[in-house]
Amino acid sequence: MVKKVIATDLDGTLFYPKDHKNMICPANLFFIQSFIDNGGKVIIVSGRSLAYGIKVEKRIGRDVDIVSFNGACIYQNKKVIFSKEISREEVKSIINDVLASYKCLAVAIFTDSGIYVHSKKDSKIILGLSKIYFKWQGVLAEKINFSNQKYQKVLESERIYKILIFFGITKGARNRAMETNKIIRNTYENVESSWSGACIEITYRNINKGEAIKKYCELNHLKKEDIYVVGDSGNDITMFKEFHEHSFAMSHAPKSVKKYAKYSLDKYEDLSRYIY
């Protein structure tokens, strides 16, 4: 019987501080491996794809379960046990509205085969810089396709689990993302929207990290008090609310995020003080 479970975000959390070469810094890797070796269970809970979550599992070198696409997919014992996509018509409607009405630079759709980006015609320079950025990320980067042609093809043929809207890299872009997120949440009743820095992440209605872990607990007969949730961004707030008793925000997280968590961590490995 698993006594304790860590449900952990990746970027800014397990991946903090960033380690472009090793993916997970030595201190965090040692902590997470020791936790598992001593009978604990780890769930990766991320907005990233399932394919990338499996890469993280290999890096940890232990069996972990994975919640990907902000809760749209749950992967346990090497198989998908739950998934929920957004309807293709809804995806098209949202993206068309966003591109026409809001000042964003690009949109991305997350599918089984990868991540596909569609940009406005005047965003070629930004996308060029994005390619350089993702190359610089090293092992932290996911495979992203920047071909508008492939984007259009995938939009018509594949299951879409998440939409990401990117506004830019400035403070103004982050503020636009935050305000647009509020509008989307109040406009589209069939989707869930969360704000994360200069991006908005959209999934199907009631599909979020908190609900995914709740479903995971029900399927595995786990008690709520045995779940320790850790994160640092807007898409982690649902975890903090649902599992507040053992909720941890990284100290570098925005104040608007940290206020929802019960505790704050300077270092990821500081979790050991609360767990043991």
Protein backbone atom coordinates (compact mmCIF):
# COMPACT_ATOMS: atom_id res chain seq x y z
CA MET A 1 0.00 0.00 0.00
CA VAL A 2 1.42 3.38 -1.02
CA LYS A 3 1.63 5.60 2.03
CA LYS A 4 2.45 8.93 0.41
CA VAL A 5 2.17 10.32 -3.12
CA ILE A 6 3.94 13.33 -4.63
CA ALA A 7 2.04 14.91 -7.53
CA THR A 8 4.62 17.18 -9.10
CA ASP A 9 4.70 19.79 -11.80
CA LEU A 10 7.80 19.85 -14.02
CA ASP A 11 8.81 23.28 -15.34
CA GLY A 12 9.75 25.60 -12.51
CA THR A 13 9.25 22.77 -10.00
CA LEU A 14 10.98 19.40 -10.46
CA PHE A 15 12.98 21.16 -13.20
CA TYR A 16 14.07 23.95 -10.82
CA PRO A 17 16.79 25.02 -11.02
CA LYS A 18 17.00 24.34 -14.76
CA ASP A 19 19.47 21.72 -15.89
CA HIS A 20 19.65 21.84 -19.70
CA LYS A 21 22.03 18.89 -19.83
CA ASN A 22 20.65 16.42 -17.27
CA MET A 23 16.95 17.42 -17.31
CA ILE A 24 16.65 17.09 -13.51
CA CYS A 25 19.33 18.59 -11.28
CA PRO A 26 21.21 16.06 -9.11
CA ALA A 27 19.67 17.16 -5.78
CA ASN A 28 16.10 16.88 -7.06
CA LEU A 29 16.78 13.59 -8.82
CA PHE A 30 18.32 12.07 -5.68
CA PHE A 31 15.35 13.20 -3.58
CA ILE A 32 12.70 11.85 -5.95
CA GLN A 33 14.51 8.51 -6.43
CA SER A 34 14.97 8.09 -2.67
CA PHE A 35 11.31 8.89 -2.07
CA ILE A 36 10.24 6.16 -4.51
CA ASP A 37 12.78 3.67 -3.17
CA ASN A 38 11.35 4.18 0.31
CA GLY A 39 7.82 3.25 -0.75
CA GLY A 40 6.50 6.55 -2.07
CA LYS A 41 4.69 7.09 -5.35
CA VAL A 42 5.29 9.91 -7.83
CA ILE A 43 2.85 11.33 -10.36
CA ILE A 44 4.20 13.73 -12.97
CA VAL A 45 1.47 16.35 -13.48
CA SER A 46 2.29 18.63 -16.38
CA GLY A 47 0.99 20.66 -19.27
CA ARG A 48 3.56 18.88 -21.41
CA SER A 49 2.81 15.94 -23.69
CA LEU A 50 2.60 12.29 -22.62
CA ALA A 51 5.63 11.51 -24.80
CA TYR A 52 7.73 13.98 -22.84
CA GLY A 53 6.40 12.65 -19.54
CA ILE A 54 7.66 9.20 -20.53
CA LYS A 55 11.10 10.73 -21.17
CA VAL A 56 11.07 12.15 -17.66
CA GLU A 57 10.14 8.72 -16.26
CA LYS A 58 13.17 7.22 -18.03
CA ARG A 59 15.40 9.94 -16.59
CA ILE A 60 14.14 9.25 -13.07
CA GLY A 61 14.83 5.56 -13.62
CA ARG A 62 11.82 4.47 -11.58
CA ASP A 63 8.18 3.70 -12.37
CA VAL A 64 6.05 6.83 -12.18
CA ASP A 65 2.55 7.66 -13.37
CA ILE A 66 1.88 10.60 -15.65
CA VAL A 67 -0.83 13.21 -15.97
CA SER A 68 -0.21 15.12 -19.19
CA PHE A 69 -1.80 17.97 -21.16
CA ASN A 70 -2.89 19.60 -17.86
CA GLY A 71 -5.05 16.61 -16.98
CA ALA A 72 -6.41 15.58 -20.38
CA CYS A 73 -4.53 12.27 -20.22
CA ILE A 74 -3.76 9.91 -17.32
CA TYR A 75 -1.10 7.25 -17.88
CA GLN A 76 -0.62 4.44 -15.36
CA ASN A 77 1.24 1.14 -15.51
CA LYS A 78 2.46 1.91 -19.06
CA LYS A 79 -0.99 2.53 -20.53
CA VAL A 80 -3.48 5.37 -20.94
CA ILE A 81 -6.38 4.89 -18.51
CA PHE A 82 -8.16 8.18 -19.23
CA SER A 83 -8.12 10.81 -21.97
CA LYS A 84 -10.36 13.66 -23.06
CA GLU A 85 -9.87 15.83 -26.13
CA ILE A 86 -11.51 19.11 -27.14
CA SER A 87 -13.90 18.82 -30.06
CA ARG A 88 -12.33 19.86 -33.35
CA GLU A 89 -15.11 22.39 -33.99
CA GLU A 90 -14.53 23.99 -30.58
CA VAL A 91 -10.78 24.17 -31.21
CA LYS A 92 -11.30 25.92 -34.55
CA SER A 93 -13.82 28.36 -33.09
CA ILE A 94 -11.59 29.36 -30.17
CA ILE A 95 -8.45 29.74 -32.27
CA ASN A 96 -10.23 31.78 -34.94
CA ASP A 97 -11.73 34.07 -32.32
CA VAL A 98 -8.43 34.50 -30.49
CA LEU A 99 -6.44 35.28 -33.64
CA ALA A 100 -9.06 37.78 -34.79
CA SER A 101 -9.79 39.49 -31.47
CA TYR A 102 -6.72 39.36 -29.25
CA LYS A 103 -3.13 40.50 -29.65
CA CYS A 104 -1.32 37.16 -29.53
CA LEU A 105 1.71 35.93 -31.48
CA ALA A 106 0.95 32.26 -32.01
CA VAL A 107 -1.23 29.31 -31.07
CA ALA A 108 -0.23 25.68 -30.60
CA ILE A 109 -2.26 22.47 -30.55
CA PHE A 110 -1.15 19.43 -28.53
CA THR A 111 -1.92 16.05 -30.10
CA ASP A 112 -0.83 12.42 -29.86
CA SER A 113 1.79 12.95 -32.57
CA GLY A 114 3.26 16.19 -31.25
CA ILE A 115 2.88 19.93 -30.84
CA TYR A 116 2.00 22.06 -33.86
CA VAL A 117 2.31 25.84 -33.99
CA HIS A 118 0.35 28.29 -36.11
CA SER A 119 1.55 31.88 -36.27
CA LYS A 120 0.24 35.12 -37.66
CA LYS A 121 1.98 36.31 -40.80
CA ASP A 122 3.78 39.08 -38.91
CA SER A 123 5.21 36.68 -36.30
CA LYS A 124 7.94 35.02 -38.39
CA ILE A 125 10.73 36.74 -36.47
CA ILE A 126 9.26 35.67 -33.13
CA LEU A 127 8.92 32.09 -34.32
CA GLY A 128 12.51 32.15 -35.55
CA LEU A 129 13.62 33.22 -32.09
CA SER A 130 11.40 30.51 -30.59
CA LYS A 131 13.20 27.86 -32.61
CA ILE A 132 16.52 29.11 -31.26
CA TYR A 133 15.12 29.15 -27.73
CA PHE A 134 13.86 25.56 -27.90
CA LYS A 135 17.20 24.42 -29.32
CA TRP A 136 18.96 26.15 -26.42
CA GLN A 137 16.66 24.35 -23.98
CA GLY A 138 18.45 21.09 -24.73
CA VAL A 139 16.83 18.08 -23.06
CA LEU A 140 14.16 20.35 -21.56
CA ALA A 141 12.72 21.09 -25.00
CA GLU A 142 9.81 19.24 -26.53
CA LYS A 143 9.59 18.46 -30.22
CA ILE A 144 7.61 21.29 -31.81
CA ASN A 145 6.57 21.64 -35.45
CA PHE A 146 6.43 25.20 -36.78
CA SER A 147 4.95 24.39 -40.19
CA ASN A 148 1.59 26.10 -40.73
CA GLN A 149 0.86 23.53 -43.43
CA LYS A 150 1.30 20.59 -41.06
CA TYR A 151 -0.67 22.47 -38.42
CA GLN A 152 -3.63 22.74 -40.77
CA LYS A 153 -3.43 19.04 -41.64
CA VAL A 154 -3.29 17.93 -38.00
CA LEU A 155 -6.11 20.31 -37.09
CA GLU A 156 -8.38 18.34 -39.42
CA SER A 157 -7.28 14.83 -38.50
CA GLU A 158 -5.96 14.33 -34.94
CA ARG A 159 -7.25 14.35 -31.39
CA ILE A 160 -6.45 17.69 -29.76
CA TYR A 161 -5.97 17.66 -25.99
CA LYS A 162 -4.77 21.18 -25.36
CA ILE A 163 -4.56 24.60 -26.99
CA LEU A 164 -1.78 26.98 -26.00
CA ILE A 165 -1.94 30.69 -26.85
CA PHE A 166 1.34 32.61 -26.71
CA PHE A 167 1.32 36.39 -26.28
CA GLY A 168 5.01 37.33 -26.16
CA ILE A 169 7.88 37.82 -23.73
CA THR A 170 7.22 41.30 -22.29
CA LYS A 171 5.40 42.30 -19.11
CA GLY A 172 2.64 43.71 -21.30
CA ALA A 173 2.28 40.34 -23.00
CA ARG A 174 1.88 38.62 -19.63
CA ASN A 175 -0.80 41.12 -18.64
CA ARG A 176 -2.63 40.59 -21.94
CA ALA A 177 -2.52 36.84 -21.37
CA MET A 178 -3.96 37.24 -17.88
CA GLU A 179 -6.81 39.47 -19.06
CA THR A 180 -7.58 37.34 -22.11
CA ASN A 181 -7.70 34.25 -19.90
CA LYS A 182 -10.47 35.86 -17.84
CA ILE A 183 -12.44 36.61 -21.00
CA ILE A 184 -12.06 33.06 -22.34
CA ARG A 185 -13.15 31.56 -19.02
CA ASN A 186 -16.31 33.65 -19.12
CA THR A 187 -17.03 33.14 -22.83
CA TYR A 188 -16.60 29.44 -23.59
CA GLU A 189 -18.53 27.10 -21.31
CA ASN A 190 -17.16 23.87 -22.79
CA VAL A 191 -13.49 24.47 -21.99
CA GLU A 192 -11.16 25.03 -19.06
CA SER A 193 -8.66 27.89 -19.34
CA SER A 194 -5.64 28.68 -17.16
CA TRP A 195 -3.09 31.48 -17.23
CA SER A 196 0.62 30.71 -17.05
CA GLY A 197 2.92 33.68 -17.58
CA ALA A 198 2.67 34.85 -21.18
CA CYS A 199 0.56 31.86 -22.19
CA ILE A 200 -2.99 30.60 -21.86
CA GLU A 201 -3.62 26.85 -21.75
CA ILE A 202 -7.03 25.52 -22.76
CA THR A 203 -8.42 22.02 -22.19
CA TYR A 204 -11.90 20.48 -22.19
CA ARG A 205 -14.37 21.54 -19.50
CA ASN A 206 -13.34 20.43 -15.99
CA ILE A 207 -10.10 19.01 -17.33
CA ASN A 208 -7.35 20.38 -15.11
CA LYS A 209 -4.58 19.13 -12.86
CA GLY A 210 -6.65 19.12 -9.69
CA GLU A 211 -9.50 17.10 -11.21
CA ALA A 212 -7.02 14.67 -12.81
CA ILE A 213 -5.34 13.88 -9.49
CA LYS A 214 -8.76 13.56 -7.87
CA LYS A 215 -9.76 11.01 -10.53
CA TYR A 216 -6.42 9.22 -10.08
CA CYS A 217 -7.09 8.94 -6.33
CA GLU A 218 -10.56 7.51 -6.94
CA LEU A 219 -9.24 4.91 -9.39
CA ASN A 220 -6.47 3.87 -6.99
CA HIS A 221 -8.40 4.19 -3.71
CA LEU A 222 -5.99 6.78 -2.32
CA LYS A 223 -6.75 9.09 0.58
CA LYS A 224 -6.65 12.81 -0.06
CA GLU A 225 -4.41 13.43 2.96
CA ASP A 226 -1.68 11.21 1.44
CA ILE A 227 -1.28 13.44 -1.64
CA TYR A 228 1.43 16.12 -1.69
CA VAL A 229 1.03 18.53 -4.62
CA VAL A 230 3.86 20.78 -5.82
CA GLY A 231 3.84 23.48 -8.50
CA ASP A 232 4.65 27.04 -9.44
CA SER A 233 2.23 28.40 -12.05
CA GLY A 234 -1.39 29.20 -12.81
CA ASN A 235 -2.24 25.73 -14.06
CA ASP A 236 -1.22 24.36 -10.63
CA ILE A 237 -3.83 26.37 -8.70
CA THR A 238 -6.48 23.67 -9.12
CA MET A 239 -4.11 21.22 -7.40
CA PHE A 240 -3.54 23.64 -4.53
CA LYS A 241 -7.28 24.12 -4.05
CA GLU A 242 -8.25 20.45 -4.30
CA PHE A 243 -5.40 19.16 -2.09
CA HIS A 244 -4.80 22.21 0.06
CA GLU A 245 -3.68 20.45 3.24
CA HIS A 246 -0.44 19.31 1.56
CA SER A 247 -0.02 21.94 -1.15
CA PHE A 248 3.36 23.48 -1.92
CA ALA A 249 4.22 26.38 -4.21
CA MET A 250 7.79 27.16 -5.16
CA SER A 251 8.92 30.44 -3.60
CA HIS A 252 9.71 31.93 -7.02
CA ALA A 253 6.09 31.46 -8.16
CA PRO A 254 3.97 34.60 -8.74
CA LYS A 255 2.14 35.91 -5.67
CA SER A 256 -1.13 35.33 -7.50
CA VAL A 257 -0.27 31.61 -7.52
CA LYS A 258 1.44 31.21 -4.14
CA LYS A 259 -1.57 32.55 -2.25
CA TYR A 260 -3.49 29.36 -3.07
CA ALA A 261 -0.89 26.98 -1.62
CA LYS A 262 -0.52 26.25 2.08
CA TYR A 263 3.28 26.11 2.04
CA SER A 264 6.18 27.63 0.11
CA LEU A 265 9.41 25.88 -0.90
CA ASP A 266 12.75 27.52 -1.66
CA LYS A 267 14.19 24.21 -2.87
CA TYR A 268 12.32 21.23 -4.24
CA GLU A 269 14.17 18.84 -1.94
CA ASP A 270 12.78 20.78 1.06
CA LEU A 271 9.67 18.63 0.62
CA SER A 272 11.45 16.02 2.71
CA ARG A 273 10.97 18.19 5.82
CA TYR A 274 7.20 17.86 5.50
CA ILE A 275 6.94 14.29 4.22
CA TYR A 276 9.26 12.52 6.65
